[in-house]
């Protein structure tokens, strides 16, 4: 899409990225960071199209959002499933996210990664408790069950990589992140990899993604097993406390 936009001399191209692109631990985050890098490379390669990137977290009420999921689970009488008692996420509304994306597109000079001020992260377990209470039910009626972190899932999301810093803009909720630069010729090599005809296994894709996105660190099975074990113990403690 970015290449087509440049060929058609589209004035602006805005990539909606995610906080999961920062120090990614799963394929979704790694490919989002890869998309950012493609836009960075194209911005530095000439042409009349300006490429902008916007990072933010979860949008309330959007497809796949946790609130519709919790609402459906409450309607069925529970339980509400939370992966970990300490997991947190950033949230913003649909109108707010739309307005800030348009604002970033308007103010961008080309190649910036805009970071949206998401406020304070929300503890998902607290959100589940609030939704149970607002439904007129209690935790005795609708339980919260901790299922364990999924592969590559983080306890908390980051908006900036360790090797990045930000600078202010005139908008109070927008900052600009300075990411590492993309080497010259990088995009040509990437396109050769993408066009390769031979099918790749999941393991090969993950291996190659680490080549293109050095900050991508897939979660190890051992670490995931440890986290799931901790979550299972918490479930057991919760059950004992209820009894």
Protein backbone atom coordinates (compact mmCIF):
# COMPACT_ATOMS: atom_id res chain seq x y z
CA UNK A 1 0.00 0.00 0.00
CA UNK A 2 2.83 2.38 0.83
CA UNK A 3 4.56 1.71 -2.50
CA UNK A 4 1.28 2.18 -4.38
CA UNK A 5 0.69 5.48 -2.55
CA UNK A 6 4.13 6.73 -3.56
CA UNK A 7 3.63 5.67 -7.20
CA UNK A 8 0.29 7.52 -7.28
CA UNK A 9 1.82 10.63 -5.66
CA UNK A 10 -0.62 10.47 -2.75
CA UNK A 11 0.16 13.53 -0.56
CA UNK A 12 0.05 11.73 2.82
CA UNK A 13 0.19 8.14 4.00
CA UNK A 14 -0.60 7.46 7.68
CA UNK A 15 0.26 4.11 9.24
CA UNK A 16 -1.76 3.29 12.35
CA UNK A 17 0.69 1.34 14.48
CA UNK A 18 0.50 0.00 18.02
CA UNK A 19 2.29 0.05 21.34
CA UNK A 20 2.99 -3.64 20.68
CA UNK A 21 5.58 -2.52 18.11
CA UNK A 22 7.83 -1.42 20.99
CA UNK A 23 10.24 -4.18 22.00
CA UNK A 24 7.86 -6.73 20.39
CA UNK A 25 7.48 -10.19 21.87
CA UNK A 26 5.02 -11.58 19.31
CA UNK A 27 4.62 -11.67 15.53
CA UNK A 28 1.86 -9.05 15.52
CA UNK A 29 4.09 -6.50 17.24
CA UNK A 30 7.13 -7.41 15.13
CA UNK A 31 5.23 -6.98 11.86
CA UNK A 32 3.82 -3.64 13.05
CA UNK A 33 7.37 -2.46 13.78
CA UNK A 34 8.39 -3.81 10.37
CA UNK A 35 5.63 -1.73 8.76
CA UNK A 36 6.92 1.36 10.59
CA UNK A 37 10.40 0.69 9.25
CA UNK A 38 9.04 0.36 5.70
CA UNK A 39 7.44 3.80 6.01
CA UNK A 40 10.67 5.21 7.47
CA UNK A 41 12.63 3.80 4.52
CA UNK A 42 10.18 5.17 1.95
CA UNK A 43 10.19 8.60 3.57
CA UNK A 44 13.95 8.68 3.24
CA UNK A 45 13.86 7.46 -0.36
CA UNK A 46 12.47 10.59 -2.01
CA UNK A 47 9.13 11.12 -3.69
CA UNK A 48 6.28 13.50 -2.95
CA UNK A 49 4.38 11.27 -0.48
CA UNK A 50 4.79 12.06 3.21
CA UNK A 51 4.74 9.02 5.46
CA UNK A 52 3.57 9.35 9.07
CA UNK A 53 3.18 6.74 11.79
CA UNK A 54 0.93 6.85 14.85
CA UNK A 55 1.24 4.53 17.84
CA UNK A 56 -1.44 3.97 20.44
CA UNK A 57 -2.95 1.22 22.55
CA UNK A 58 -6.42 -0.26 22.85
CA UNK A 59 -9.50 1.55 21.54
CA UNK A 60 -12.60 1.13 23.70
CA UNK A 61 -15.46 -0.61 21.92
CA UNK A 62 -13.44 -1.53 18.83
CA UNK A 63 -13.38 -5.00 17.31
CA UNK A 64 -11.58 -7.36 19.68
CA UNK A 65 -11.74 -4.91 22.59
CA UNK A 66 -11.97 -6.44 26.05
CA UNK A 67 -15.13 -4.53 27.03
CA UNK A 68 -17.47 -6.20 24.49
CA UNK A 69 -15.89 -9.51 25.51
CA UNK A 70 -16.57 -8.89 29.22
CA UNK A 71 -20.11 -7.70 28.42
CA UNK A 72 -20.83 -10.95 26.57
CA UNK A 73 -19.35 -13.04 29.39
CA UNK A 74 -21.48 -11.21 31.97
CA UNK A 75 -24.61 -11.80 29.86
CA UNK A 76 -23.84 -15.55 29.98
CA UNK A 77 -23.39 -15.47 33.76
CA UNK A 78 -19.59 -15.53 33.67
CA UNK A 79 -16.89 -16.24 34.36
CA UNK A 80 -14.89 -13.23 33.18
CA UNK A 81 -11.53 -14.41 31.83
CA UNK A 82 -8.43 -12.32 32.54
CA UNK A 83 -5.00 -13.59 31.55
CA UNK A 84 -3.11 -12.33 34.62
CA UNK A 85 -4.04 -10.44 37.83
CA UNK A 86 -1.39 -7.77 37.17
CA UNK A 87 -1.91 -7.22 33.44
CA UNK A 88 -2.50 -3.59 32.41
CA UNK A 89 -3.45 -1.88 29.16
CA UNK A 90 -3.80 1.65 27.81
CA UNK A 91 -7.24 2.68 26.56
CA UNK A 92 -8.74 5.51 24.54
CA UNK A 93 -12.12 6.20 22.94
CA UNK A 94 -12.92 5.83 19.23
CA UNK A 95 -13.54 9.61 18.72
CA UNK A 96 -10.35 10.49 20.58
CA UNK A 97 -8.21 8.06 18.58
CA UNK A 98 -9.70 9.26 15.26
CA UNK A 99 -9.13 12.92 16.09
CA UNK A 100 -5.54 12.34 17.15
CA UNK A 101 -4.72 10.34 14.01
CA UNK A 102 -6.05 13.20 11.86
CA UNK A 103 -4.11 15.73 13.93
CA UNK A 104 -0.90 13.75 13.47
CA UNK A 105 -1.51 13.57 9.72
CA UNK A 106 -2.03 17.32 9.56
CA UNK A 107 1.05 18.33 11.54
CA UNK A 108 3.52 15.74 10.22
CA UNK A 109 6.49 16.86 8.14
CA UNK A 110 7.33 13.33 7.01
CA UNK A 111 8.79 10.28 8.75
CA UNK A 112 7.66 11.03 12.31
CA UNK A 113 6.38 8.38 14.68
CA UNK A 114 3.69 10.07 16.74
CA UNK A 115 3.06 8.70 20.22
CA UNK A 116 -0.36 9.44 21.65
CA UNK A 117 -0.80 10.27 25.32
CA UNK A 118 -2.88 7.34 26.54
CA UNK A 119 -3.12 8.53 30.14
CA UNK A 120 -2.53 5.97 32.87
CA UNK A 121 -2.69 2.23 32.17
CA UNK A 122 -5.74 0.36 33.44
CA UNK A 123 -5.54 -2.83 35.49
CA UNK A 124 -7.69 -5.28 33.53
CA UNK A 125 -8.79 -7.10 36.68
CA UNK A 126 -10.12 -3.79 38.06
CA UNK A 127 -11.95 -3.19 34.79
CA UNK A 128 -13.55 -6.63 35.08
CA UNK A 129 -14.64 -5.91 38.68
CA UNK A 130 -16.10 -2.54 37.66
CA UNK A 131 -18.10 -4.11 34.83
CA UNK A 132 -19.47 -6.78 37.15
CA UNK A 133 -20.50 -4.10 39.65
CA UNK A 134 -22.05 -1.86 36.97
CA UNK A 135 -24.09 -4.80 35.70
CA UNK A 136 -25.74 -5.01 39.13
CA UNK A 137 -24.05 -8.30 39.99
CA UNK A 138 -21.36 -9.26 42.49
CA UNK A 139 -18.15 -11.30 42.28
CA UNK A 140 -19.94 -14.02 44.24
CA UNK A 141 -22.34 -14.32 41.30
CA UNK A 142 -19.87 -13.78 38.44
CA UNK A 143 -16.34 -15.01 39.01
CA UNK A 144 -13.08 -13.72 37.55
CA UNK A 145 -10.83 -16.51 36.29
CA UNK A 146 -7.14 -16.01 35.46
CA UNK A 147 -6.17 -18.05 32.42
CA UNK A 148 -2.44 -17.29 32.07
CA UNK A 149 -0.60 -15.07 29.60
CA UNK A 150 -0.84 -16.10 25.96
CA UNK A 151 2.39 -16.69 23.97
CA UNK A 152 4.09 -13.35 23.36
CA UNK A 153 1.66 -11.40 25.55
CA UNK A 154 3.12 -8.71 27.84
CA UNK A 155 1.97 -7.80 31.34
CA UNK A 156 2.16 -4.14 30.33
CA UNK A 157 2.53 -2.24 27.07
CA UNK A 158 5.25 0.24 26.24
CA UNK A 159 4.87 3.27 23.98
CA UNK A 160 8.58 3.88 23.45
CA UNK A 161 11.56 1.63 22.88
CA UNK A 162 14.57 1.87 25.16
CA UNK A 163 16.61 3.49 22.39
CA UNK A 164 13.97 6.10 21.62
CA UNK A 165 13.14 9.49 23.08
CA UNK A 166 10.37 11.95 22.37
CA UNK A 167 9.95 15.61 21.73
CA UNK A 168 6.92 17.77 22.30
CA UNK A 169 4.49 19.05 19.70
CA UNK A 170 1.99 21.90 19.97
CA UNK A 171 -0.70 19.31 20.73
CA UNK A 172 -0.80 18.35 24.44
CA UNK A 173 -1.58 14.70 23.66
CA UNK A 174 0.95 14.14 20.87
CA UNK A 175 4.68 13.60 21.13
CA UNK A 176 7.16 12.56 18.44
CA UNK A 177 9.36 9.53 19.00
CA UNK A 178 12.83 9.33 17.54
CA UNK A 179 13.35 5.74 16.43
CA UNK A 180 16.54 4.20 15.14
CA UNK A 181 17.20 4.87 11.46
CA UNK A 182 16.75 2.29 8.70
CA UNK A 183 19.97 1.43 6.80
CA UNK A 184 20.29 2.36 3.14
CA UNK A 185 19.25 -0.51 0.86
CA UNK A 186 17.32 -2.18 3.68
CA UNK A 187 13.96 -1.93 1.90
CA UNK A 188 15.24 -3.57 -1.30
CA UNK A 189 16.53 -6.52 0.72
CA UNK A 190 13.24 -6.79 2.61
CA UNK A 191 11.21 -6.83 -0.61
CA UNK A 192 13.38 -9.65 -1.95
CA UNK A 193 12.61 -11.64 1.20
CA UNK A 194 8.87 -10.95 0.92
CA UNK A 195 8.82 -11.97 -2.76
CA UNK A 196 10.67 -15.25 -2.20
CA UNK A 197 8.51 -18.05 -3.69
CA UNK A 198 9.47 -20.82 -1.28
CA UNK A 199 6.90 -21.37 1.54
CA UNK A 200 8.18 -20.66 5.04
CA UNK A 201 7.28 -22.38 8.28
CA UNK A 202 6.18 -20.39 11.33
CA UNK A 203 9.57 -21.00 12.93
CA UNK A 204 11.37 -19.68 9.82
CA UNK A 205 9.21 -16.56 9.75
CA UNK A 206 9.96 -15.83 13.42
CA UNK A 207 13.65 -16.42 12.82
CA UNK A 208 13.72 -14.08 9.81
CA UNK A 209 11.66 -11.43 11.61
CA UNK A 210 14.46 -11.18 14.18
CA UNK A 211 16.81 -10.40 11.30
CA UNK A 212 14.63 -7.54 10.03
CA UNK A 213 13.47 -6.31 13.45
CA UNK A 214 16.43 -6.65 15.84
CA UNK A 215 14.37 -5.54 18.87
CA UNK A 216 11.96 -8.47 18.35
CA UNK A 217 12.49 -10.96 21.18
CA UNK A 218 10.01 -13.86 20.99
CA UNK A 219 8.77 -15.13 24.34
CA UNK A 220 10.48 -18.39 25.28
CA UNK A 221 8.40 -21.47 26.17
CA UNK A 222 10.18 -21.73 29.54
CA UNK A 223 9.28 -18.16 30.51
CA UNK A 224 5.68 -18.66 29.38
CA UNK A 225 5.41 -21.85 31.43
CA UNK A 226 6.65 -20.00 34.51
CA UNK A 227 4.14 -17.18 34.03
CA UNK A 228 1.25 -19.60 33.48
CA UNK A 229 2.29 -21.44 36.64
CA UNK A 230 2.16 -18.20 38.64
CA UNK A 231 -1.28 -17.42 37.17
CA UNK A 232 -2.55 -20.90 38.08
CA UNK A 233 -1.38 -20.42 41.67
CA UNK A 234 -3.22 -17.12 41.84
CA UNK A 235 -6.42 -18.83 40.65
CA UNK A 236 -5.99 -21.44 43.36
CA UNK A 237 -5.49 -18.75 46.00
CA UNK A 238 -8.58 -16.91 44.77
CA UNK A 239 -10.67 -20.09 44.97
CA UNK A 240 -9.43 -20.83 48.51
CA UNK A 241 -10.12 -17.28 49.62
CA UNK A 242 -13.69 -17.51 48.30
CA UNK A 243 -14.27 -20.80 50.12
